[in-house]
Protein backbone atom coordinates (compact mmCIF):
# COMPACT_ATOMS: atom_id res chain seq x y z
CA MET A 1 173.73 -18.94 285.74
CA PRO A 2 174.08 -21.88 283.52
CA ASN A 3 177.86 -21.85 283.50
CA ASP A 4 180.57 -22.02 285.85
CA GLY A 5 180.60 -18.10 286.51
CA PHE A 6 182.20 -17.02 283.11
CA PHE A 7 180.91 -14.44 281.27
CA TYR A 8 180.61 -15.02 277.54
CA GLY A 9 180.88 -11.55 275.47
CA GLY A 10 180.92 -10.91 271.97
CA GLN A 11 180.66 -8.26 269.03
CA ALA A 12 178.68 -7.58 266.22
CA VAL A 13 180.37 -7.46 262.75
CA ILE A 14 179.43 -7.05 259.16
CA GLU A 15 176.02 -9.04 258.76
CA GLY A 16 177.02 -10.96 261.67
CA VAL A 17 178.09 -11.81 265.37
CA MET A 18 181.43 -12.63 267.01
CA MET A 19 180.97 -14.82 270.55
CA ARG A 20 183.96 -15.68 272.65
CA GLY A 21 184.30 -18.21 275.44
CA ARG A 22 187.17 -19.06 277.62
CA ARG A 23 188.93 -20.53 275.22
CA HIS A 24 187.52 -20.15 271.85
CA TYR A 25 185.54 -18.03 269.75
CA ALA A 26 183.27 -18.28 266.59
CA VAL A 27 181.90 -15.38 264.21
CA ALA A 28 178.76 -16.13 262.33
CA VAL A 29 177.93 -14.34 259.28
CA ARG A 30 175.16 -14.40 256.92
CA VAL A 31 176.25 -14.47 253.32
CA PRO A 32 174.77 -11.92 251.07
CA GLY A 33 172.65 -13.66 247.99
CA THR A 34 172.91 -17.21 249.54
CA GLY A 35 171.70 -16.60 252.81
CA GLU A 36 173.62 -19.48 254.63
CA ILE A 37 175.35 -18.71 257.82
CA ARG A 38 179.12 -19.33 257.29
CA ILE A 39 181.16 -19.70 260.86
CA ASP A 40 184.69 -19.18 261.32
CA ARG A 41 185.92 -20.32 264.60
CA GLY A 42 189.37 -21.17 266.33
CA GLU A 43 190.94 -21.22 269.70
CA LEU A 44 192.23 -18.42 271.78
CA THR A 45 196.05 -18.73 272.52
CA ALA A 46 197.43 -15.63 273.10
CA PRO A 47 198.92 -14.82 276.60
CA ILE A 48 196.21 -12.40 277.28
CA TYR A 49 193.30 -15.53 277.28
CA THR A 50 195.81 -18.45 278.88
CA ASN A 51 198.06 -16.36 280.94
CA ARG A 52 196.78 -16.08 284.74
CA VAL A 53 198.20 -12.67 285.02
CA TRP A 54 195.79 -11.13 282.70
CA ARG A 55 192.91 -12.39 284.66
CA LEU A 56 193.85 -10.51 288.25
CA PRO A 57 192.23 -7.76 288.99
CA PHE A 58 192.39 -4.19 287.38
CA ILE A 59 194.94 -6.09 284.75
CA ARG A 60 192.02 -7.66 283.19
CA GLY A 61 190.58 -4.54 282.47
CA LEU A 62 193.92 -4.18 279.78
CA ALA A 63 193.06 -7.98 278.47
CA LEU A 64 189.81 -6.28 277.38
CA LEU A 65 191.24 -3.52 275.25
CA ALA A 66 193.98 -5.93 273.99
CA GLU A 67 190.99 -8.19 273.35
CA GLN A 68 189.14 -5.51 271.39
CA ILE A 69 192.19 -4.45 269.15
CA HIS A 70 193.13 -8.66 268.11
CA LEU A 71 190.08 -10.25 268.14
CA GLY A 72 187.66 -7.61 267.25
CA THR A 73 189.70 -6.16 264.42
CA ARG A 74 190.09 -10.10 262.92
CA SER A 75 186.25 -11.11 263.29
CA LEU A 76 185.60 -7.58 261.57
CA SER A 77 188.20 -8.28 258.89
CA TRP A 78 187.06 -12.00 258.26
CA SER A 79 182.97 -10.74 258.26
CA ALA A 80 184.15 -8.18 255.61
CA GLN A 81 186.11 -10.46 253.45
CA VAL A 82 182.72 -12.65 253.40
CA ASN A 83 180.61 -10.29 252.51
CA ALA A 84 182.83 -8.79 249.90
CA GLY A 85 183.46 -12.28 248.28
CA ALA A 86 179.83 -12.74 248.06
CA GLN A 87 179.95 -9.66 245.93
CA ASP A 88 183.14 -10.18 243.80
CA ILE A 89 184.69 -7.86 245.47
CA GLN A 90 188.38 -8.56 246.80
CA ILE A 91 189.65 -7.03 249.81
CA GLY A 92 193.25 -7.59 250.95
CA LYS A 93 194.76 -7.45 254.64
CA ARG A 94 196.75 -4.04 252.84
CA GLU A 95 193.15 -2.12 252.13
CA VAL A 96 191.93 -3.78 256.06
CA ALA A 97 195.00 -2.47 258.05
CA ILE A 98 194.88 1.15 256.03
CA SER A 99 191.25 1.61 257.03
CA LEU A 100 191.60 0.46 260.49
CA THR A 101 195.04 2.50 260.85
CA ALA A 102 193.14 5.51 259.51
CA ALA A 103 189.81 5.15 261.73
CA ALA A 104 192.52 4.53 264.93
CA ILE A 105 194.40 8.07 264.35
CA GLY A 106 191.03 9.88 263.37
CA SER A 107 189.44 8.42 266.61
CA VAL A 108 192.09 9.95 268.59
CA LEU A 109 192.20 13.44 267.15
CA LEU A 110 188.40 13.63 267.30
CA PHE A 111 187.87 11.93 270.56
CA PHE A 112 191.09 13.09 272.95
CA GLY A 113 192.54 16.07 270.84
CA LEU A 114 189.23 18.16 270.28
CA PRO A 115 188.01 17.77 273.65
CA LEU A 116 191.70 18.75 274.99
CA LEU A 117 191.31 21.72 272.67
CA GLY A 118 187.70 22.69 273.42
CA ALA A 119 188.60 22.74 277.11
CA SER A 120 191.54 25.07 276.51
CA LEU A 121 189.57 27.74 275.07
CA ALA A 122 186.73 27.06 277.78
CA VAL A 123 188.95 26.82 280.65
CA HIS A 124 192.42 28.51 280.85
CA ARG A 125 193.59 26.94 283.63
CA SER A 126 194.81 23.42 282.52
CA SER A 127 195.43 22.31 285.65
CA SER A 128 191.80 22.83 287.35
CA PHE A 129 189.24 20.52 287.51
CA TRP A 130 186.75 22.64 285.71
CA PHE A 131 189.24 22.00 282.31
CA VAL A 132 188.77 18.13 283.59
CA LEU A 133 185.27 18.24 283.60
CA VAL A 134 184.47 20.43 280.49
CA GLU A 135 186.87 18.31 278.84
CA GLY A 136 185.07 14.88 279.83
CA LEU A 137 181.80 16.53 278.84
CA ILE A 138 182.44 17.58 275.38
CA ARG A 139 184.11 14.04 274.94
CA VAL A 140 180.68 12.74 276.03
CA ALA A 141 178.90 14.62 273.73
CA LEU A 142 181.06 13.83 270.99
CA VAL A 143 180.53 10.14 271.50
CA LEU A 144 176.98 10.22 271.78
CA ALA A 145 176.91 12.60 268.74
CA TYR A 146 178.96 10.44 266.82
CA LEU A 147 176.82 7.46 267.55
CA SER A 148 173.33 9.22 266.52
CA LEU A 149 174.89 10.07 262.77
CA ILE A 150 176.67 7.09 262.20
CA ALA A 151 173.10 4.99 263.19
CA LEU A 152 171.58 6.86 260.10
CA MET A 153 173.58 4.92 257.69
CA ARG A 154 171.68 1.97 256.60
CA ASP A 155 174.53 -0.21 257.12
CA VAL A 156 175.69 1.04 260.38
CA ARG A 157 171.91 0.34 261.35
CA ARG A 158 172.31 -3.28 260.42
CA VAL A 159 175.08 -3.59 262.59
CA PHE A 160 173.50 -2.34 265.36
CA GLN A 161 170.87 -4.59 265.03
CA TYR A 162 173.52 -7.42 265.13
CA HIS A 163 174.41 -6.01 268.16
CA GLY A 164 170.77 -6.24 269.93
CA ALA A 165 170.79 -9.74 268.36
CA GLU A 166 174.10 -10.38 270.11
CA HIS A 167 172.63 -9.11 273.51
CA LYS A 168 169.27 -11.06 273.19
CA THR A 169 170.97 -14.22 272.63
CA ILE A 170 173.45 -13.71 275.60
CA ASN A 171 170.94 -12.64 278.48
CA ALA A 172 168.53 -15.61 276.99
CA TYR A 173 171.74 -18.06 277.65
CA GLU A 174 172.53 -16.19 281.08
CA ALA A 175 168.84 -16.62 282.24
CA GLY A 176 168.74 -20.54 281.02
CA ASP A 177 166.53 -19.79 278.48
CA PRO A 178 166.39 -22.17 275.69
CA LEU A 179 168.40 -20.95 272.71
CA ASP A 180 165.65 -20.84 270.00
CA VAL A 181 164.25 -17.91 268.03
CA GLU A 182 161.28 -17.61 270.04
CA ARG A 183 162.60 -17.55 273.22
CA VAL A 184 165.43 -15.24 272.44
CA ARG A 185 163.24 -12.90 270.59
CA ALA A 186 161.72 -11.96 273.73
CA ALA A 187 164.88 -11.13 275.37
CA SER A 188 166.42 -7.65 276.18
CA THR A 189 168.26 -5.79 273.77
CA LEU A 190 170.36 -4.17 276.45
CA HIS A 191 172.93 -5.70 278.77
CA PRO A 192 175.24 -4.20 281.73
CA ARG A 193 178.45 -5.54 280.22
CA CYS A 194 177.88 -3.85 276.92
CA GLY A 195 181.18 -2.19 275.14
CA THR A 196 179.16 1.10 274.77
CA GLY A 197 177.98 0.99 278.75
CA PHE A 198 181.79 0.33 279.43
CA LEU A 199 182.74 3.38 277.45
CA LEU A 200 180.61 5.63 279.37
CA VAL A 201 181.82 4.14 282.78
CA VAL A 202 185.62 5.04 281.29
CA LEU A 203 184.63 8.27 280.39
CA VAL A 204 183.75 9.38 283.91
CA VAL A 205 186.47 7.43 285.42
CA SER A 206 188.66 9.62 283.20
CA VAL A 207 187.12 12.59 284.96
CA LEU A 208 188.01 11.39 288.22
CA VAL A 209 191.58 9.82 287.35
CA PHE A 210 192.39 13.39 285.75
CA SER A 211 191.22 15.45 288.27
CA LEU A 212 193.59 13.88 290.50
CA VAL A 213 196.57 14.43 287.67
CA ALA A 214 195.48 18.29 287.59
CA VAL A 215 196.38 18.54 291.64
CA PHE A 216 200.13 18.52 290.03
CA HIS A 217 199.47 21.56 287.80
CA PRO A 218 200.88 20.00 284.61
CA ASN A 219 201.61 21.80 281.89
CA TRP A 220 200.80 20.98 278.13
CA PHE A 221 203.30 18.33 277.42
CA TRP A 222 202.51 16.45 280.78
CA LEU A 223 199.14 16.71 280.30
CA ILE A 224 199.06 15.00 276.89
CA VAL A 225 201.01 12.27 278.41
CA SER A 226 198.60 11.76 281.16
CA ARG A 227 196.01 11.15 279.11
CA VAL A 228 197.93 8.40 276.89
CA LEU A 229 199.52 6.91 280.05
CA GLY A 230 196.02 7.14 281.99
CA ILE A 231 194.19 4.80 279.41
CA PRO A 232 195.21 1.27 280.84
CA VAL A 233 194.15 2.96 284.85
CA ILE A 234 191.03 4.23 283.33
CA ALA A 235 190.41 0.96 281.62
CA GLY A 236 191.36 -1.18 284.75
CA ILE A 237 189.38 0.68 286.78
CA GLY A 238 186.32 1.29 284.34
CA PHE A 239 185.91 -2.71 284.09
CA GLU A 240 186.07 -3.85 287.58
CA TRP A 241 183.30 -1.06 288.10
CA ILE A 242 181.12 -2.30 285.58
CA ARG A 243 181.88 -6.22 286.55
CA LEU A 244 180.81 -5.69 289.81
CA MET A 245 177.42 -4.12 288.59
CA ALA A 246 177.00 -6.62 286.28
CA ARG A 247 177.54 -9.22 289.39
CA HIS A 248 175.12 -7.42 291.44
CA ARG A 249 172.76 -6.25 288.72
CA ASP A 250 169.56 -7.01 291.08
CA ASN A 251 170.69 -4.68 294.25
CA PRO A 252 168.60 -1.79 293.89
CA VAL A 253 171.41 0.59 294.32
CA VAL A 254 173.37 -1.21 291.59
CA LYS A 255 169.79 -0.78 289.45
CA VAL A 256 169.92 2.66 289.61
CA LEU A 257 173.59 3.12 288.51
CA LEU A 258 173.05 0.83 286.32
CA LEU A 259 170.65 3.17 284.17
CA PRO A 260 172.70 5.46 282.53
CA VAL A 261 174.81 2.41 281.35
CA LEU A 262 172.21 0.90 280.10
CA TYR A 263 170.76 3.80 278.51
CA THR A 264 173.25 4.54 276.14
CA GLN A 265 173.22 1.24 274.80
CA ARG A 266 170.17 2.69 272.52
CA PHE A 267 172.83 4.23 270.53
CA THR A 268 174.47 1.30 269.37
CA THR A 269 171.57 -1.57 269.77
CA ARG A 270 168.29 -2.06 267.35
CA GLN A 271 165.82 -4.54 267.60
CA PRO A 272 167.34 -7.43 265.33
CA ASP A 273 165.12 -9.50 262.63
CA ASP A 274 164.51 -13.49 263.30
CA SER A 275 167.14 -13.94 260.57
CA MET A 276 169.67 -11.90 262.90
CA LEU A 277 168.69 -13.73 266.00
CA GLU A 278 169.52 -17.29 263.97
CA VAL A 279 173.28 -16.09 263.24
CA ALA A 280 173.56 -14.56 266.84
CA ILE A 281 172.35 -18.37 268.25
CA ALA A 282 174.82 -19.88 265.69
CA ALA A 283 177.88 -18.19 267.00
CA LEU A 284 177.27 -18.77 270.56
CA ASN A 285 176.51 -22.29 270.06
CA ALA A 286 179.76 -22.90 267.63
CA ALA A 287 181.78 -20.86 270.32
CA ARG A 288 180.30 -22.94 273.41
CA ALA A 289 180.74 -26.23 271.44
CA GLY A 290 184.71 -25.50 271.44
CA GLU A 291 184.12 -24.59 275.07
CA GLU A 292 182.44 -27.83 275.74
CA ALA A 293 184.97 -30.32 273.52
CA GLN A 294 187.74 -29.11 275.81
CA GLN A 295 185.73 -29.99 278.96
CA PRO A 296 186.75 -33.32 280.68
CA PRO A 297 184.62 -35.93 280.73
CA ARG A 298 181.95 -35.76 283.86
CA VAL A 299 181.52 -38.99 286.01
CA ALA A 300 177.93 -39.93 286.31
CA GLU A 301 176.65 -39.80 289.69
CA ALA A 302 174.65 -42.78 291.41
CA GLY A 303 171.21 -42.37 290.53
CA ALA A 304 171.78 -39.63 287.76
């Protein structure tokens, strides 16, 4: 890899892409109407980025969740404001906060409450392995059905195209290819560290973890509490699992294990056009520029 082992990450936003480095991030957005690429960049100074504790195995999975809430929300909000401003629409922080809160509540009810209810109707013993398995299967089915339905919406489909552009750009960078449209276009839209793949791993891990909880025959109160308290445990295990597979993606056994992880990304990625690739490349270059500017100058070796 062309870096020191650090994995760049990213996220699709409205008409753009966010890329994150070790200490800096950048969001690039194509402005409607003008076609210009506007970039917002910044330094990552929160403890989850600077404190070594958050880089420890299993704990770094929690940092990933915190990052999705913190940096992902900030990037998404900025991209929404850029696009709204270009159309003379004003979006305040209050409106963004209300929308995100409503979405969070709806997600909890849909992807946690409904599977529990469905499993209770199908399996009467809430402390059995079959209850946990049915709950997990219902949750997987709901997630995939939800992604399939929202992909039918034009605006969401464009976000999925930018998601594909993000993957192509990171794949090209990690392969050591030049970051130009022609080379990036040839890269894959699938990547082993994708958030969608991480979601699938988390769903599988949740079945294993909650099966252990079922051994203690919890009542409904402790059943719900275990689902809440189990989130950090599941996130930690899931992150290490997918990180391990990403590092050993060329191993024949790992290649087989990665197949479902990569397949689920077909629900959230689409082939981008060249203009989208330009935005993703601009975001990664901006994030890398921040990283390189912070590096101490290197002393040239004799003969270099």
